[in-house]
Amino acid sequence: MIKQAIEKIEELVNAREENKLEQVEIKKMNYYKFGGNLKRIVTPSIDLVRVHSLNGLVEMIESYISVEADYLNVKLPLIVEATGNEIIVRTSVDDTYVRQELIECTPIVPRLILNEFVDPERMIINVNTCYEATENSNALINTISNLYNSKTVHQEDNGIGKKIIVESDVFAGGAGQVTINPIVKLVPISTYPELIQVERKFNLRVDDRGRCALFVADTGYFEKEVQRLIKQFLEAELPKEIREKVVLAL
């Protein structure tokens, strides 16, 4: 009876030891140990802030540096990484070997109709509302307008590129045809309003039903140019922070 009681006490003591919460270090990283389980200790996460303008981005960066860095354990320098229009602001690695995402920034832009065939009227509306008015955009609208009354539309390949031939009764002098240059330079409204909008190249295509499409002809150029403009903007708005390497604009 006494032996059983002693064994029970030992069992309870062992169970208590196994369920004791303690902190242990493994390869210079701290963990909580509870029973047979380990949980790594990391800095509490900060809620991600989403903004949609570069001015808002700058204000949030300044706030984190001047006010919240000490209170929220934000590890400086802040790293600003842009991939095209998408910007992420992260902390440096803290003493728990973690980077935190603080800010996500994306612009609010109109939807460009690209890489799909639509009727001329819809394309004209899209060019009018989603692109800056230039000589090229006005010429494109006039060109697309000719498709309304076209009798036939076909494309010729001369070995170098394609030409669009439109035949119609509405051209000057009555029945005739006009050749359209398929390469179009336009300025879409596709990045932050604080930046100069980037001129881009498109291929104009027309199918046998008279529908038209703009296909992107400079893949990769837009993203690279926007990244350059964003970095230029940040260098102008945060010169002291970048000079002192409190902010790294990549």
Protein backbone atom coordinates (compact mmCIF):
# COMPACT_ATOMS: atom_id res chain seq x y z
CA MET A 1 0.00 0.00 0.00
CA ILE A 2 2.79 2.40 0.96
CA LYS A 3 4.77 1.37 -2.14
CA GLN A 4 1.80 2.15 -4.39
CA ALA A 5 1.36 5.54 -2.75
CA ILE A 6 5.04 6.38 -3.29
CA GLU A 7 4.81 5.31 -6.95
CA LYS A 8 1.72 7.51 -7.40
CA ILE A 9 3.51 10.51 -5.90
CA GLU A 10 6.50 9.94 -8.19
CA GLU A 11 4.16 9.69 -11.17
CA LEU A 12 2.49 12.99 -10.29
CA VAL A 13 5.87 14.70 -9.79
CA ASN A 14 7.12 13.44 -13.15
CA ALA A 15 3.93 14.57 -14.87
CA ARG A 16 4.30 18.00 -13.29
CA GLU A 17 7.92 18.22 -14.48
CA GLU A 18 6.93 17.20 -18.01
CA ASN A 19 4.21 19.87 -18.16
CA LYS A 20 6.40 22.65 -16.77
CA LEU A 21 6.77 25.63 -19.12
CA GLU A 22 10.39 26.59 -19.64
CA GLN A 23 12.53 28.52 -22.09
CA VAL A 24 15.38 26.78 -23.88
CA GLU A 25 17.96 27.88 -26.46
CA ILE A 26 18.70 25.77 -29.53
CA LYS A 27 21.26 27.00 -32.09
CA LYS A 28 21.02 30.56 -30.74
CA MET A 29 17.23 30.61 -31.11
CA ASN A 30 14.86 30.67 -28.14
CA TYR A 31 11.98 28.23 -27.72
CA TYR A 32 9.22 27.56 -25.22
CA LYS A 33 9.25 23.96 -24.05
CA PHE A 34 6.06 22.47 -22.66
CA GLY A 35 5.97 18.74 -22.17
CA GLY A 36 7.42 17.26 -25.33
CA ASN A 37 6.54 20.27 -27.51
CA LEU A 38 8.75 23.15 -28.67
CA LYS A 39 7.50 26.51 -29.93
CA ARG A 40 9.87 29.11 -31.31
CA ILE A 41 9.77 32.54 -29.67
CA VAL A 42 9.33 35.33 -32.23
CA THR A 43 8.47 39.01 -32.13
CA PRO A 44 4.67 39.51 -32.03
CA SER A 45 3.40 40.26 -35.53
CA ILE A 46 2.19 43.72 -36.55
CA ASP A 47 -0.95 44.09 -38.64
CA LEU A 48 -0.18 44.86 -42.29
CA VAL A 49 -1.24 48.36 -43.43
CA ARG A 50 -2.52 48.70 -47.01
CA VAL A 51 -2.22 52.04 -48.81
CA HIS A 52 -2.90 53.05 -52.41
CA SER A 53 -0.77 56.13 -53.00
CA LEU A 54 2.91 56.98 -52.78
CA ASN A 55 2.15 59.96 -50.54
CA GLY A 56 0.37 57.61 -48.14
CA LEU A 57 3.32 55.23 -48.31
CA VAL A 58 5.77 57.99 -47.37
CA GLU A 59 3.58 59.10 -44.44
CA MET A 60 3.41 55.54 -43.08
CA ILE A 61 7.17 55.04 -43.42
CA GLU A 62 7.81 58.32 -41.56
CA SER A 63 5.36 57.26 -38.85
CA TYR A 64 7.08 53.92 -38.28
CA ILE A 65 10.50 55.56 -38.09
CA SER A 66 9.65 58.54 -35.87
CA VAL A 67 6.90 57.20 -33.61
CA GLU A 68 6.33 53.48 -33.72
CA ALA A 69 9.82 51.99 -34.15
CA ASP A 70 10.58 51.97 -30.40
CA TYR A 71 7.12 51.04 -29.15
CA LEU A 72 6.51 48.21 -31.64
CA ASN A 73 10.08 46.90 -31.77
CA VAL A 74 10.37 47.73 -35.48
CA LYS A 75 13.87 46.81 -36.59
CA LEU A 76 15.50 49.42 -38.82
CA PRO A 77 16.42 50.01 -41.59
CA LEU A 78 13.10 49.55 -43.35
CA ILE A 79 13.41 47.79 -46.70
CA VAL A 80 11.21 49.06 -49.54
CA GLU A 81 10.91 46.55 -52.37
CA ALA A 82 9.05 47.39 -55.59
CA THR A 83 8.02 44.87 -58.24
CA GLY A 84 6.25 46.90 -60.89
CA ASN A 85 3.42 48.69 -59.10
CA GLU A 86 3.46 46.42 -56.06
CA ILE A 87 5.44 47.77 -53.11
CA ILE A 88 6.17 45.93 -49.86
CA VAL A 89 7.86 47.53 -46.85
CA ARG A 90 9.60 45.09 -44.49
CA THR A 91 11.65 45.45 -41.34
CA SER A 92 15.22 44.27 -41.07
CA VAL A 93 15.82 40.92 -39.37
CA ASP A 94 15.15 41.29 -35.63
CA ASP A 95 16.73 39.39 -32.72
CA THR A 96 14.33 36.49 -33.33
CA TYR A 97 15.53 36.16 -36.97
CA VAL A 98 12.23 37.42 -38.42
CA ARG A 99 11.36 40.15 -40.93
CA GLN A 100 7.91 41.68 -40.60
CA GLU A 101 5.81 43.02 -43.46
CA LEU A 102 4.57 46.45 -42.40
CA ILE A 103 3.08 48.14 -45.48
CA GLU A 104 1.66 47.00 -48.80
CA CYS A 105 1.12 49.66 -51.47
CA THR A 106 -0.74 49.26 -54.78
CA PRO A 107 -2.30 51.96 -57.00
CA ILE A 108 -5.97 52.21 -57.91
CA VAL A 109 -6.03 52.29 -61.71
CA PRO A 110 -8.69 51.76 -64.40
CA ARG A 111 -8.89 48.36 -66.10
CA LEU A 112 -7.13 48.31 -69.45
CA ILE A 113 -8.64 45.98 -72.04
CA LEU A 114 -5.56 44.16 -73.29
CA ASN A 115 -4.87 40.92 -75.15
CA GLU A 116 -8.53 40.28 -75.98
CA PHE A 117 -10.75 41.11 -78.96
CA VAL A 118 -13.70 43.44 -78.31
CA ASP A 119 -16.06 45.44 -80.52
CA PRO A 120 -14.80 48.86 -81.72
CA GLU A 121 -17.20 50.86 -79.55
CA ARG A 122 -15.99 49.21 -76.36
CA MET A 123 -12.35 49.71 -77.37
CA ILE A 124 -12.93 53.42 -78.09
CA ILE A 125 -14.52 53.89 -74.65
CA ASN A 126 -11.58 52.12 -73.02
CA VAL A 127 -9.00 54.24 -74.86
CA ASN A 128 -10.91 57.43 -73.97
CA THR A 129 -11.15 56.61 -70.26
CA CYS A 130 -8.01 54.60 -69.48
CA TYR A 131 -5.32 56.37 -71.52
CA GLU A 132 -3.93 59.90 -71.53
CA ALA A 133 -5.17 61.97 -74.48
CA THR A 134 -2.33 62.27 -77.00
CA GLU A 135 -1.99 62.54 -80.77
CA ASN A 136 -1.48 58.79 -80.88
CA SER A 137 -4.57 57.98 -78.83
CA ASN A 138 -6.71 60.33 -80.96
CA ALA A 139 -5.33 58.74 -84.13
CA LEU A 140 -6.10 55.29 -82.74
CA ILE A 141 -9.68 56.28 -81.96
CA ASN A 142 -10.12 57.57 -85.52
CA THR A 143 -8.65 54.35 -86.85
CA ILE A 144 -10.96 52.18 -84.77
CA SER A 145 -13.93 54.32 -85.84
CA ASN A 146 -13.25 53.28 -89.45
CA LEU A 147 -13.97 49.69 -88.48
CA TYR A 148 -17.66 50.47 -87.90
CA ASN A 149 -18.47 50.66 -91.61
CA SER A 150 -15.72 48.43 -92.93
CA LYS A 151 -16.58 46.00 -95.70
CA THR A 152 -13.53 43.80 -95.17
CA VAL A 153 -10.58 43.72 -92.83
CA HIS A 154 -7.50 41.61 -93.43
CA GLN A 155 -3.86 41.52 -92.42
CA GLU A 156 -0.80 41.24 -94.65
CA ASP A 157 2.57 39.94 -93.50
CA ASN A 158 5.54 41.34 -95.43
CA GLY A 159 8.07 39.24 -93.56
CA ILE A 160 8.95 42.06 -91.17
CA GLY A 161 5.59 42.81 -89.61
CA LYS A 162 1.87 42.78 -90.18
CA LYS A 163 -0.20 45.53 -91.83
CA ILE A 164 -3.93 45.90 -91.31
CA ILE A 165 -5.89 46.63 -94.51
CA VAL A 166 -9.39 48.05 -94.06
CA GLU A 167 -11.73 48.43 -97.06
CA SER A 168 -14.77 50.66 -96.75
CA ASP A 169 -17.10 52.98 -98.68
CA VAL A 170 -16.70 55.78 -96.13
CA PHE A 171 -13.12 56.74 -96.93
CA ALA A 172 -12.46 59.93 -98.85
CA GLY A 173 -13.26 59.55 -102.53
CA GLY A 174 -15.75 56.74 -102.00
CA ALA A 175 -14.82 53.08 -102.03
CA GLY A 176 -11.22 52.46 -101.12
CA GLN A 177 -8.89 51.10 -98.55
CA VAL A 178 -6.59 52.34 -95.83
CA THR A 179 -3.51 50.71 -94.31
CA ILE A 180 -3.18 50.87 -90.54
CA ASN A 181 0.17 50.71 -88.76
CA PRO A 182 -0.25 47.94 -86.18
CA ILE A 183 2.38 49.32 -83.76
CA VAL A 184 0.81 51.91 -81.45
CA LYS A 185 2.46 54.05 -78.76
CA LEU A 186 0.05 55.00 -75.98
CA VAL A 187 0.19 56.30 -72.42
CA PRO A 188 -2.07 54.13 -70.26
CA ILE A 189 -3.12 55.32 -66.81
CA SER A 190 -1.55 52.35 -65.09
CA THR A 191 0.56 53.52 -62.17
CA TYR A 192 0.50 55.94 -59.22
CA PRO A 193 -0.81 59.48 -59.86
CA GLU A 194 2.33 60.90 -58.22
CA LEU A 195 4.42 59.48 -61.08
CA ILE A 196 4.68 60.28 -64.78
CA GLN A 197 2.60 57.72 -66.64
CA VAL A 198 4.75 55.42 -68.76
CA GLU A 199 4.43 55.40 -72.56
CA ARG A 200 4.10 51.84 -73.86
CA LYS A 201 4.03 49.99 -77.17
CA PHE A 202 1.04 47.90 -78.26
CA ASN A 203 0.18 45.79 -81.28
CA LEU A 204 -3.20 46.62 -82.79
CA ARG A 205 -4.94 43.55 -84.19
CA VAL A 206 -8.28 43.21 -85.97
CA ASP A 207 -10.07 39.90 -86.53
CA ASP A 208 -12.30 38.96 -89.48
CA ARG A 209 -15.38 40.11 -87.53
CA GLY A 210 -14.05 43.66 -87.22
CA ARG A 211 -13.27 43.32 -83.53
CA CYS A 212 -10.00 44.85 -82.36
CA ALA A 213 -7.46 44.17 -79.66
CA LEU A 214 -4.37 45.78 -78.17
CA PHE A 215 -1.60 43.33 -77.34
CA VAL A 216 1.29 44.31 -75.07
CA ALA A 217 4.47 44.67 -77.15
CA ASP A 218 6.96 45.66 -74.43
CA THR A 219 6.59 43.01 -71.74
CA GLY A 220 8.89 43.77 -68.80
CA TYR A 221 9.67 47.36 -69.81
CA PHE A 222 6.74 48.85 -67.87
CA GLU A 223 7.62 47.05 -64.63
CA LYS A 224 11.27 48.08 -64.86
CA GLU A 225 10.45 51.72 -65.63
CA VAL A 226 7.88 52.00 -62.82
CA GLN A 227 10.37 50.53 -60.38
CA ARG A 228 12.89 53.21 -61.42
CA LEU A 229 10.30 55.99 -61.02
CA ILE A 230 9.23 54.75 -57.59
CA LYS A 231 12.83 54.72 -56.36
CA GLN A 232 13.32 58.22 -57.77
CA PHE A 233 10.19 59.44 -55.95
CA LEU A 234 11.28 57.94 -52.62
CA GLU A 235 14.76 59.47 -52.94
CA ALA A 236 13.12 62.88 -53.39
CA GLU A 237 10.61 62.46 -50.53
CA LEU A 238 12.82 60.63 -48.00
CA PRO A 239 16.32 62.00 -48.70
CA LYS A 240 17.48 62.11 -45.06
CA GLU A 241 16.17 58.63 -44.24
CA ILE A 242 17.78 57.09 -47.33
CA ARG A 243 21.05 58.99 -46.84
CA GLU A 244 21.29 57.78 -43.24
CA LYS A 245 20.27 54.26 -44.34
CA VAL A 246 17.19 54.21 -42.14
CA VAL A 247 15.31 53.32 -45.33
CA LEU A 248 16.67 51.12 -48.11
CA ALA A 249 14.84 51.62 -51.43
CA LEU A 250 15.52 48.64 -53.66
